[in-house]
All heavy atoms as atom14 arrays in JSON, in Angstrom:
{
  "sequence": "PAPEGFGIEVIAVPAGEPLELSVRLESVMEGVLASGTVGAV",
  "atom14_mask": [
    [1, 1, 1, 1, 1, 1, 1, 0, 0, 0, 0, 0, 0, 0],
    [1, 1, 1, 1, 1, 0, 0, 0, 0, 0, 0, 0, 0, 0],
    [1, 1, 1, 1, 1, 1, 1, 0, 0, 0, 0, 0, 0, 0],
    [1, 1, 1, 1, 1, 1, 1, 1, 1, 0, 0, 0, 0, 0],
    [1, 1, 1, 1, 0, 0, 0, 0, 0, 0, 0, 0, 0, 0],
    [1, 1, 1, 1, 1, 1, 1, 1, 1, 1, 1, 0, 0, 0],
    [1, 1, 1, 1, 0, 0, 0, 0, 0, 0, 0, 0, 0, 0],
    [1, 1, 1, 1, 1, 1, 1, 1, 0, 0, 0, 0, 0, 0],
    [1, 1, 1, 1, 1, 1, 1, 1, 1, 0, 0, 0, 0, 0],
    [1, 1, 1, 1, 1, 1, 1, 0, 0, 0, 0, 0, 0, 0],
    [1, 1, 1, 1, 1, 1, 1, 1, 0, 0, 0, 0, 0, 0],
    [1, 1, 1, 1, 1, 0, 0, 0, 0, 0, 0, 0, 0, 0],
    [1, 1, 1, 1, 1, 1, 1, 0, 0, 0, 0, 0, 0, 0],
    [1, 1, 1, 1, 1, 1, 1, 0, 0, 0, 0, 0, 0, 0],
    [1, 1, 1, 1, 1, 0, 0, 0, 0, 0, 0, 0, 0, 0],
    [1, 1, 1, 1, 0, 0, 0, 0, 0, 0, 0, 0, 0, 0],
    [1, 1, 1, 1, 1, 1, 1, 1, 1, 0, 0, 0, 0, 0],
    [1, 1, 1, 1, 1, 1, 1, 0, 0, 0, 0, 0, 0, 0],
    [1, 1, 1, 1, 1, 1, 1, 1, 0, 0, 0, 0, 0, 0],
    [1, 1, 1, 1, 1, 1, 1, 1, 1, 0, 0, 0, 0, 0],
    [1, 1, 1, 1, 1, 1, 1, 1, 0, 0, 0, 0, 0, 0],
    [1, 1, 1, 1, 1, 1, 0, 0, 0, 0, 0, 0, 0, 0],
    [1, 1, 1, 1, 1, 1, 1, 0, 0, 0, 0, 0, 0, 0],
    [1, 1, 1, 1, 1, 1, 1, 1, 1, 1, 1, 0, 0, 0],
    [1, 1, 1, 1, 1, 1, 1, 1, 0, 0, 0, 0, 0, 0],
    [1, 1, 1, 1, 1, 1, 1, 1, 1, 0, 0, 0, 0, 0],
    [1, 1, 1, 1, 1, 1, 0, 0, 0, 0, 0, 0, 0, 0],
    [1, 1, 1, 1, 1, 1, 1, 0, 0, 0, 0, 0, 0, 0],
    [1, 1, 1, 1, 1, 1, 1, 1, 0, 0, 0, 0, 0, 0],
    [1, 1, 1, 1, 1, 1, 1, 1, 1, 0, 0, 0, 0, 0],
    [1, 1, 1, 1, 0, 0, 0, 0, 0, 0, 0, 0, 0, 0],
    [1, 1, 1, 1, 1, 1, 1, 0, 0, 0, 0, 0, 0, 0],
    [1, 1, 1, 1, 1, 1, 1, 1, 0, 0, 0, 0, 0, 0],
    [1, 1, 1, 1, 1, 0, 0, 0, 0, 0, 0, 0, 0, 0],
    [1, 1, 1, 1, 1, 1, 0, 0, 0, 0, 0, 0, 0, 0],
    [1, 1, 1, 1, 0, 0, 0, 0, 0, 0, 0, 0, 0, 0],
    [1, 1, 1, 1, 1, 1, 1, 0, 0, 0, 0, 0, 0, 0],
    [1, 1, 1, 1, 1, 1, 1, 0, 0, 0, 0, 0, 0, 0],
    [1, 1, 1, 1, 0, 0, 0, 0, 0, 0, 0, 0, 0, 0],
    [1, 1, 1, 1, 1, 0, 0, 0, 0, 0, 0, 0, 0, 0],
    [1, 1, 1, 1, 1, 1, 1, 0, 0, 0, 0, 0, 0, 0]
  ],
  "atom14_positions": [
    [[0.79, -1.22, -0.01], [0.02, -0.01, 0.01], [0.83, 1.21, -0.06], [1.97, 1.33, 0.72], [-0.7, -0.07, 1.26], [-0.04, -0.99, 2.21], [0.78, -1.9, 1.27], [0.0, 0.0, 0.0], [0.0, 0.0, 0.0], [0.0, 0.0, 0.0], [0.0, 0.0, 0.0], [0.0, 0.0, 0.0], [0.0, 0.0, 0.0], [0.0, 0.0, 0.0]],
    [[0.44, 2.26, -0.73], [1.25, 3.46, -0.87], [1.12, 4.14, 0.57], [0.1, 4.2, 1.2], [0.63, 4.42, -1.91], [0.0, 0.0, 0.0], [0.0, 0.0, 0.0], [0.0, 0.0, 0.0], [0.0, 0.0, 0.0], [0.0, 0.0, 0.0], [0.0, 0.0, 0.0], [0.0, 0.0, 0.0], [0.0, 0.0, 0.0], [0.0, 0.0, 0.0]],
    [[2.2, 4.79, 1.04], [2.2, 5.49, 2.2], [1.6, 6.93, 2.09], [1.31, 7.29, 0.95], [3.73, 5.68, 2.55], [4.46, 5.56, 1.29], [3.64, 4.72, 0.36], [0.0, 0.0, 0.0], [0.0, 0.0, 0.0], [0.0, 0.0, 0.0], [0.0, 0.0, 0.0], [0.0, 0.0, 0.0], [0.0, 0.0, 0.0], [0.0, 0.0, 0.0]],
    [[1.3, 7.54, 3.19], [0.75, 8.94, 3.17], [1.7, 9.85, 2.36], [2.8, 9.79, 2.53], [0.57, 9.46, 4.62], [-0.62, 8.77, 5.31], [-2.02, 9.29, 4.9], [-2.1, 10.4, 4.36], [-2.88, 8.41, 5.03], [0.0, 0.0, 0.0], [0.0, 0.0, 0.0], [0.0, 0.0, 0.0], [0.0, 0.0, 0.0], [0.0, 0.0, 0.0]],
    [[1.12, 10.82, 1.73], [1.92, 11.82, 1.07], [2.89, 11.41, 0.03], [3.94, 11.93, -0.05], [0.0, 0.0, 0.0], [0.0, 0.0, 0.0], [0.0, 0.0, 0.0], [0.0, 0.0, 0.0], [0.0, 0.0, 0.0], [0.0, 0.0, 0.0], [0.0, 0.0, 0.0], [0.0, 0.0, 0.0], [0.0, 0.0, 0.0], [0.0, 0.0, 0.0]],
    [[2.51, 10.47, -0.74], [3.37, 9.83, -1.74], [3.18, 10.64, -3.06], [2.45, 10.09, -3.95], [3.08, 8.33, -1.91], [4.19, 7.59, -2.52], [5.42, 7.33, -1.78], [4.17, 7.03, -3.8], [6.47, 6.57, -2.34], [5.14, 6.3, -4.34], [6.3, 6.18, -3.6], [0.0, 0.0, 0.0], [0.0, 0.0, 0.0], [0.0, 0.0, 0.0]],
    [[3.59, 11.83, -3.1], [3.48, 12.68, -4.34], [3.74, 14.1, -3.87], [4.34, 14.43, -3.01], [0.0, 0.0, 0.0], [0.0, 0.0, 0.0], [0.0, 0.0, 0.0], [0.0, 0.0, 0.0], [0.0, 0.0, 0.0], [0.0, 0.0, 0.0], [0.0, 0.0, 0.0], [0.0, 0.0, 0.0], [0.0, 0.0, 0.0], [0.0, 0.0, 0.0]],
    [[3.06, 14.92, -4.79], [3.18, 16.46, -4.5], [1.72, 16.95, -4.36], [0.83, 16.05, -4.43], [3.87, 17.13, -5.69], [3.17, 16.82, -7.07], [5.32, 16.78, -5.75], [3.79, 17.56, -8.22], [0.0, 0.0, 0.0], [0.0, 0.0, 0.0], [0.0, 0.0, 0.0], [0.0, 0.0, 0.0], [0.0, 0.0, 0.0], [0.0, 0.0, 0.0]],
    [[1.56, 18.15, -4.11], [0.25, 18.72, -3.77], [-0.79, 18.51, -4.87], [-1.96, 18.21, -4.6], [0.31, 20.24, -3.48], [0.96, 20.52, -2.06], [0.93, 21.98, -1.78], [0.03, 22.74, -2.36], [1.76, 22.35, -0.97], [0.0, 0.0, 0.0], [0.0, 0.0, 0.0], [0.0, 0.0, 0.0], [0.0, 0.0, 0.0], [0.0, 0.0, 0.0]],
    [[-0.41, 18.66, -6.11], [-1.45, 18.57, -7.26], [-1.7, 17.2, -7.73], [-2.59, 16.91, -8.38], [-0.9, 19.51, -8.4], [-1.16, 20.97, -8.0], [0.36, 19.22, -8.8], [0.0, 0.0, 0.0], [0.0, 0.0, 0.0], [0.0, 0.0, 0.0], [0.0, 0.0, 0.0], [0.0, 0.0, 0.0], [0.0, 0.0, 0.0], [0.0, 0.0, 0.0]],
    [[-0.71, 16.28, -7.48], [-0.92, 14.92, -7.86], [-0.04, 13.87, -7.0], [1.04, 14.22, -6.66], [-0.5, 14.71, -9.38], [-0.86, 13.33, -9.97], [0.98, 15.03, -9.62], [-0.87, 13.24, -11.46], [0.0, 0.0, 0.0], [0.0, 0.0, 0.0], [0.0, 0.0, 0.0], [0.0, 0.0, 0.0], [0.0, 0.0, 0.0], [0.0, 0.0, 0.0]],
    [[-0.67, 12.74, -6.68], [-0.02, 11.81, -5.85], [-0.67, 10.47, -5.86], [-1.75, 10.35, -6.42], [-0.09, 12.35, -4.29], [0.0, 0.0, 0.0], [0.0, 0.0, 0.0], [0.0, 0.0, 0.0], [0.0, 0.0, 0.0], [0.0, 0.0, 0.0], [0.0, 0.0, 0.0], [0.0, 0.0, 0.0], [0.0, 0.0, 0.0], [0.0, 0.0, 0.0]],
    [[0.04, 9.48, -5.37], [-0.52, 8.15, -5.34], [-1.38, 8.19, -4.03], [-0.77, 8.38, -2.85], [0.55, 7.0, -5.29], [-0.21, 5.67, -5.16], [1.29, 7.04, -6.56], [0.0, 0.0, 0.0], [0.0, 0.0, 0.0], [0.0, 0.0, 0.0], [0.0, 0.0, 0.0], [0.0, 0.0, 0.0], [0.0, 0.0, 0.0], [0.0, 0.0, 0.0]],
    [[-2.6, 7.98, -4.04], [-3.37, 8.07, -2.74], [-2.96, 7.03, -1.81], [-2.61, 5.85, -2.15], [-4.85, 7.81, -3.17], [-4.86, 8.16, -4.67], [-3.45, 7.77, -5.19], [0.0, 0.0, 0.0], [0.0, 0.0, 0.0], [0.0, 0.0, 0.0], [0.0, 0.0, 0.0], [0.0, 0.0, 0.0], [0.0, 0.0, 0.0], [0.0, 0.0, 0.0]],
    [[-2.98, 7.32, -0.44], [-2.55, 6.47, 0.62], [-3.37, 5.2, 0.49], [-4.63, 5.26, 0.3], [-2.68, 7.11, 1.88], [0.0, 0.0, 0.0], [0.0, 0.0, 0.0], [0.0, 0.0, 0.0], [0.0, 0.0, 0.0], [0.0, 0.0, 0.0], [0.0, 0.0, 0.0], [0.0, 0.0, 0.0], [0.0, 0.0, 0.0], [0.0, 0.0, 0.0]],
    [[-2.73, 4.04, 0.58], [-3.34, 2.8, 0.59], [-3.47, 2.15, -0.83], [-3.78, 0.95, -0.98], [0.0, 0.0, 0.0], [0.0, 0.0, 0.0], [0.0, 0.0, 0.0], [0.0, 0.0, 0.0], [0.0, 0.0, 0.0], [0.0, 0.0, 0.0], [0.0, 0.0, 0.0], [0.0, 0.0, 0.0], [0.0, 0.0, 0.0], [0.0, 0.0, 0.0]],
    [[-3.38, 3.02, -1.91], [-3.48, 2.38, -3.2], [-2.18, 1.57, -3.52], [-1.17, 1.79, -2.96], [-3.51, 3.52, -4.28], [-4.88, 4.27, -4.29], [-6.04, 3.37, -4.61], [-5.99, 2.69, -5.64], [-6.93, 3.33, -3.79], [0.0, 0.0, 0.0], [0.0, 0.0, 0.0], [0.0, 0.0, 0.0], [0.0, 0.0, 0.0], [0.0, 0.0, 0.0]],
    [[-2.41, 0.59, -4.34], [-1.27, -0.37, -4.52], [-0.11, 0.16, -5.3], [-0.11, 0.83, -6.28], [-1.9, -1.59, -5.34], [-3.09, -0.89, -6.08], [-3.57, 0.2, -5.24], [0.0, 0.0, 0.0], [0.0, 0.0, 0.0], [0.0, 0.0, 0.0], [0.0, 0.0, 0.0], [0.0, 0.0, 0.0], [0.0, 0.0, 0.0], [0.0, 0.0, 0.0]],
    [[1.13, -0.23, -4.7], [2.45, -0.03, -5.34], [2.91, -1.37, -5.92], [3.02, -2.3, -5.06], [3.44, 0.55, -4.48], [3.19, 1.96, -3.89], [4.25, 2.42, -2.84], [3.07, 3.02, -5.01], [0.0, 0.0, 0.0], [0.0, 0.0, 0.0], [0.0, 0.0, 0.0], [0.0, 0.0, 0.0], [0.0, 0.0, 0.0], [0.0, 0.0, 0.0]],
    [[3.04, -1.57, -7.11], [3.51, -2.8, -7.65], [5.06, -2.78, -7.76], [5.65, -2.02, -8.43], [2.97, -3.12, -9.02], [1.36, -3.21, -9.1], [0.87, -4.21, -8.27], [1.51, -5.31, -8.09], [-0.31, -4.13, -7.75], [0.0, 0.0, 0.0], [0.0, 0.0, 0.0], [0.0, 0.0, 0.0], [0.0, 0.0, 0.0], [0.0, 0.0, 0.0]],
    [[5.68, -3.64, -6.83], [7.16, -3.66, -6.81], [7.74, -4.9, -7.4], [7.27, -6.04, -7.17], [7.57, -3.54, -5.32], [6.99, -2.4, -4.46], [7.38, -2.59, -2.95], [7.6, -1.1, -4.99], [0.0, 0.0, 0.0], [0.0, 0.0, 0.0], [0.0, 0.0, 0.0], [0.0, 0.0, 0.0], [0.0, 0.0, 0.0], [0.0, 0.0, 0.0]],
    [[8.76, -4.69, -8.08], [9.64, -5.73, -8.53], [11.02, -5.43, -7.97], [11.64, -4.46, -8.52], [9.65, -5.82, -10.04], [10.53, -6.84, -10.56], [0.0, 0.0, 0.0], [0.0, 0.0, 0.0], [0.0, 0.0, 0.0], [0.0, 0.0, 0.0], [0.0, 0.0, 0.0], [0.0, 0.0, 0.0], [0.0, 0.0, 0.0], [0.0, 0.0, 0.0]],
    [[11.48, -6.19, -7.14], [12.75, -5.81, -6.34], [13.81, -6.87, -6.46], [13.48, -8.13, -6.36], [12.45, -5.65, -4.78], [13.64, -5.2, -4.0], [11.42, -4.49, -4.68], [0.0, 0.0, 0.0], [0.0, 0.0, 0.0], [0.0, 0.0, 0.0], [0.0, 0.0, 0.0], [0.0, 0.0, 0.0], [0.0, 0.0, 0.0], [0.0, 0.0, 0.0]],
    [[14.97, -6.36, -6.64], [16.15, -7.34, -6.69], [17.19, -6.81, -5.53], [17.51, -5.63, -5.51], [16.92, -7.32, -8.0], [18.03, -8.25, -8.0], [18.8, -8.31, -9.35], [19.5, -7.1, -9.53], [19.92, -6.58, -10.59], [19.62, -7.14, -11.71], [20.6, -5.47, -10.69], [0.0, 0.0, 0.0], [0.0, 0.0, 0.0], [0.0, 0.0, 0.0]],
    [[17.39, -7.7, -4.59], [18.37, -7.44, -3.57], [19.68, -8.23, -3.86], [19.63, -9.43, -3.95], [17.84, -7.76, -2.21], [16.55, -7.09, -1.73], [15.97, -7.58, -0.39], [16.67, -5.6, -1.8], [0.0, 0.0, 0.0], [0.0, 0.0, 0.0], [0.0, 0.0, 0.0], [0.0, 0.0, 0.0], [0.0, 0.0, 0.0], [0.0, 0.0, 0.0]],
    [[20.78, -7.47, -3.91], [22.01, -8.07, -4.11], [23.1, -7.72, -3.06], [23.29, -6.57, -2.8], [22.49, -7.65, -5.54], [23.78, -8.33, -6.0], [24.17, -7.9, -7.46], [23.44, -7.17, -8.04], [25.21, -8.4, -7.83], [0.0, 0.0, 0.0], [0.0, 0.0, 0.0], [0.0, 0.0, 0.0], [0.0, 0.0, 0.0], [0.0, 0.0, 0.0]],
    [[23.6, -8.78, -2.52], [24.77, -8.55, -1.52], [26.03, -8.07, -2.32], [26.43, -8.78, -3.12], [24.98, -9.86, -0.71], [25.88, -9.61, 0.3], [0.0, 0.0, 0.0], [0.0, 0.0, 0.0], [0.0, 0.0, 0.0], [0.0, 0.0, 0.0], [0.0, 0.0, 0.0], [0.0, 0.0, 0.0], [0.0, 0.0, 0.0], [0.0, 0.0, 0.0]],
    [[26.61, -6.94, -1.71], [27.85, -6.56, -2.19], [28.74, -6.36, -1.0], [28.3, -6.3, 0.15], [27.72, -5.19, -3.02], [26.89, -5.53, -4.25], [26.99, -4.07, -2.29], [0.0, 0.0, 0.0], [0.0, 0.0, 0.0], [0.0, 0.0, 0.0], [0.0, 0.0, 0.0], [0.0, 0.0, 0.0], [0.0, 0.0, 0.0], [0.0, 0.0, 0.0]],
    [[30.02, -5.9, -1.24], [30.98, -5.81, -0.14], [30.41, -4.73, 0.89], [30.56, -4.94, 2.04], [32.29, -5.33, -0.63], [33.08, -6.46, -1.41], [33.36, -7.95, -0.37], [34.61, -7.28, 0.73], [0.0, 0.0, 0.0], [0.0, 0.0, 0.0], [0.0, 0.0, 0.0], [0.0, 0.0, 0.0], [0.0, 0.0, 0.0], [0.0, 0.0, 0.0]],
    [[29.95, -3.65, 0.38], [29.58, -2.46, 1.17], [28.21, -2.64, 2.01], [27.94, -2.03, 2.95], [29.53, -1.21, 0.48], [30.83, -0.78, -0.14], [31.06, -1.52, -1.5], [30.22, -2.14, -2.04], [32.34, -1.49, -1.82], [0.0, 0.0, 0.0], [0.0, 0.0, 0.0], [0.0, 0.0, 0.0], [0.0, 0.0, 0.0], [0.0, 0.0, 0.0]],
    [[27.29, -3.54, 1.39], [26.05, -3.71, 1.96], [25.06, -4.43, 1.0], [25.46, -5.45, 0.42], [0.0, 0.0, 0.0], [0.0, 0.0, 0.0], [0.0, 0.0, 0.0], [0.0, 0.0, 0.0], [0.0, 0.0, 0.0], [0.0, 0.0, 0.0], [0.0, 0.0, 0.0], [0.0, 0.0, 0.0], [0.0, 0.0, 0.0], [0.0, 0.0, 0.0]],
    [[23.88, -3.89, 0.79], [22.93, -4.51, -0.09], [22.47, -3.5, -1.17], [22.03, -2.41, -0.82], [21.65, -4.99, 0.75], [20.57, -5.56, -0.25], [22.04, -6.1, 1.71], [0.0, 0.0, 0.0], [0.0, 0.0, 0.0], [0.0, 0.0, 0.0], [0.0, 0.0, 0.0], [0.0, 0.0, 0.0], [0.0, 0.0, 0.0], [0.0, 0.0, 0.0]],
    [[22.58, -3.88, -2.35], [22.17, -3.08, -3.5], [20.68, -3.46, -3.8], [20.5, -4.62, -4.21], [23.1, -3.25, -4.76], [22.73, -2.48, -5.92], [22.91, -0.94, -5.64], [23.59, -2.82, -7.08], [0.0, 0.0, 0.0], [0.0, 0.0, 0.0], [0.0, 0.0, 0.0], [0.0, 0.0, 0.0], [0.0, 0.0, 0.0], [0.0, 0.0, 0.0]],
    [[19.8, -2.55, -3.65], [18.35, -2.72, -3.94], [18.07, -2.01, -5.25], [18.37, -0.83, -5.36], [17.51, -2.19, -2.85], [0.0, 0.0, 0.0], [0.0, 0.0, 0.0], [0.0, 0.0, 0.0], [0.0, 0.0, 0.0], [0.0, 0.0, 0.0], [0.0, 0.0, 0.0], [0.0, 0.0, 0.0], [0.0, 0.0, 0.0], [0.0, 0.0, 0.0]],
    [[17.57, -2.77, -6.22], [17.06, -2.16, -7.45], [15.82, -2.77, -7.97], [15.42, -3.86, -7.46], [18.22, -2.3, -8.45], [18.51, -3.76, -8.69], [0.0, 0.0, 0.0], [0.0, 0.0, 0.0], [0.0, 0.0, 0.0], [0.0, 0.0, 0.0], [0.0, 0.0, 0.0], [0.0, 0.0, 0.0], [0.0, 0.0, 0.0], [0.0, 0.0, 0.0]],
    [[15.2, -2.13, -8.91], [13.99, -2.66, -9.38], [13.03, -1.6, -9.98], [13.5, -0.62, -10.43], [0.0, 0.0, 0.0], [0.0, 0.0, 0.0], [0.0, 0.0, 0.0], [0.0, 0.0, 0.0], [0.0, 0.0, 0.0], [0.0, 0.0, 0.0], [0.0, 0.0, 0.0], [0.0, 0.0, 0.0], [0.0, 0.0, 0.0], [0.0, 0.0, 0.0]],
    [[11.72, -2.01, -10.03], [10.7, -0.98, -10.58], [9.59, -0.87, -9.6], [9.34, -1.83, -8.87], [10.32, -1.46, -11.97], [9.59, -2.74, -11.85], [11.35, -1.59, -12.95], [0.0, 0.0, 0.0], [0.0, 0.0, 0.0], [0.0, 0.0, 0.0], [0.0, 0.0, 0.0], [0.0, 0.0, 0.0], [0.0, 0.0, 0.0], [0.0, 0.0, 0.0]],
    [[8.94, 0.21, -9.76], [7.75, 0.5, -8.9], [6.71, 1.0, -9.89], [6.93, 1.86, -10.76], [7.93, 1.48, -7.81], [8.46, 2.82, -8.26], [6.67, 1.67, -7.0], [0.0, 0.0, 0.0], [0.0, 0.0, 0.0], [0.0, 0.0, 0.0], [0.0, 0.0, 0.0], [0.0, 0.0, 0.0], [0.0, 0.0, 0.0], [0.0, 0.0, 0.0]],
    [[5.51, 0.45, -9.82], [4.44, 0.87, -10.75], [3.21, 1.27, -9.8], [2.88, 0.69, -8.77], [0.0, 0.0, 0.0], [0.0, 0.0, 0.0], [0.0, 0.0, 0.0], [0.0, 0.0, 0.0], [0.0, 0.0, 0.0], [0.0, 0.0, 0.0], [0.0, 0.0, 0.0], [0.0, 0.0, 0.0], [0.0, 0.0, 0.0], [0.0, 0.0, 0.0]],
    [[2.49, 2.32, -10.26], [1.25, 2.76, -9.55], [0.55, 3.69, -10.42], [0.91, 4.02, -11.51], [1.73, 3.48, -8.34], [0.0, 0.0, 0.0], [0.0, 0.0, 0.0], [0.0, 0.0, 0.0], [0.0, 0.0, 0.0], [0.0, 0.0, 0.0], [0.0, 0.0, 0.0], [0.0, 0.0, 0.0], [0.0, 0.0, 0.0], [0.0, 0.0, 0.0]],
    [[-0.58, 4.22, -9.87], [-1.32, 5.21, -10.61], [-1.48, 6.44, -9.66], [-2.12, 6.28, -8.56], [-2.8, 4.68, -11.03], [-3.6, 5.8, -11.7], [-2.68, 3.47, -11.95], [0.0, 0.0, 0.0], [0.0, 0.0, 0.0], [0.0, 0.0, 0.0], [0.0, 0.0, 0.0], [0.0, 0.0, 0.0], [0.0, 0.0, 0.0], [0.0, 0.0, 0.0]]
  ]
}
């Protein structure tokens, strides 16, 4: 679910609306590299 205030004053993803996440977590020497895509309306 989208968190509160996910956008700007004139346009935003309403709180609770779905965020479609495709996430890749990769371990590297310094930490974890998170990458992917987010889709919403």
